[in-house]
Amino acid sequence: MSSQTDPSTVPAAHRQAKYQVRFDWAVEGAAAVAADADVIVWVDVLDDQPGADAAELPGTGAVVAAGLSDAAAVAQWILDEQVRLGRRAMIALVAAGGTSASGGTRFAVEDLLAAGAVVDALATLGIDYSSPEAAAACAAFTGLRGAVAHLLTASVSGQERIAAGADAAALAASGKLGTVSEVRVLRAA
């Protein structure tokens, strides 16, 4: 991990440490919110950053992948992990984002919505002490819940995929909520 993303150099306010559920973007954001997390949720709907090298993510907590189709399953997995721990689990949601033309991270609406879907599913299970950042992602998801499959294909990332030959209907399937029950564990705790 580069010195610019070293968790010890992150300003305290950026850590969202007083909240159980936190949210930020990309590996740099993970350095801010995930160093003390029991569970890091790597949110990457279209696998623009496949599986984020879990070794790049801070801390020793479990790392699970999430998208729109498995958000409820991921939330249940987190609740089960909290029960296993016997205490409140600290959760860091990290949206992968897309890749800009210059190679940097860009905003990806599908990852924002999927992070919000996980926050919403966690709240349904009673895990709802969320940072403002996580709450805003949740509000984006709940406000747009009925349109997520369309937004996925209409987004910059979706349009890039379609222009490269991806099938729009297959892409939209990634936006069907609650259709995947398996959780991809990228790093065990």
Foldseek 3Di string as FASTA:
>chain_A
DDPLQQLVPADLVLQLVVFQEEEDEALSSLSRHPQPFQEEEEEELPCLPPPPQVVSGHHQHWYWYWFQAALLLVLVVQVVVCVVVVHRGRYYYYYHAHADPVGDHDHWLRSLLGLLSNQVSNVVVPRHRYDPSSVVSVVVNVVCVVCSLVCQCVTPVNVVCVVVPDDSVVSSVSNDHHNDNDIGTSHHD
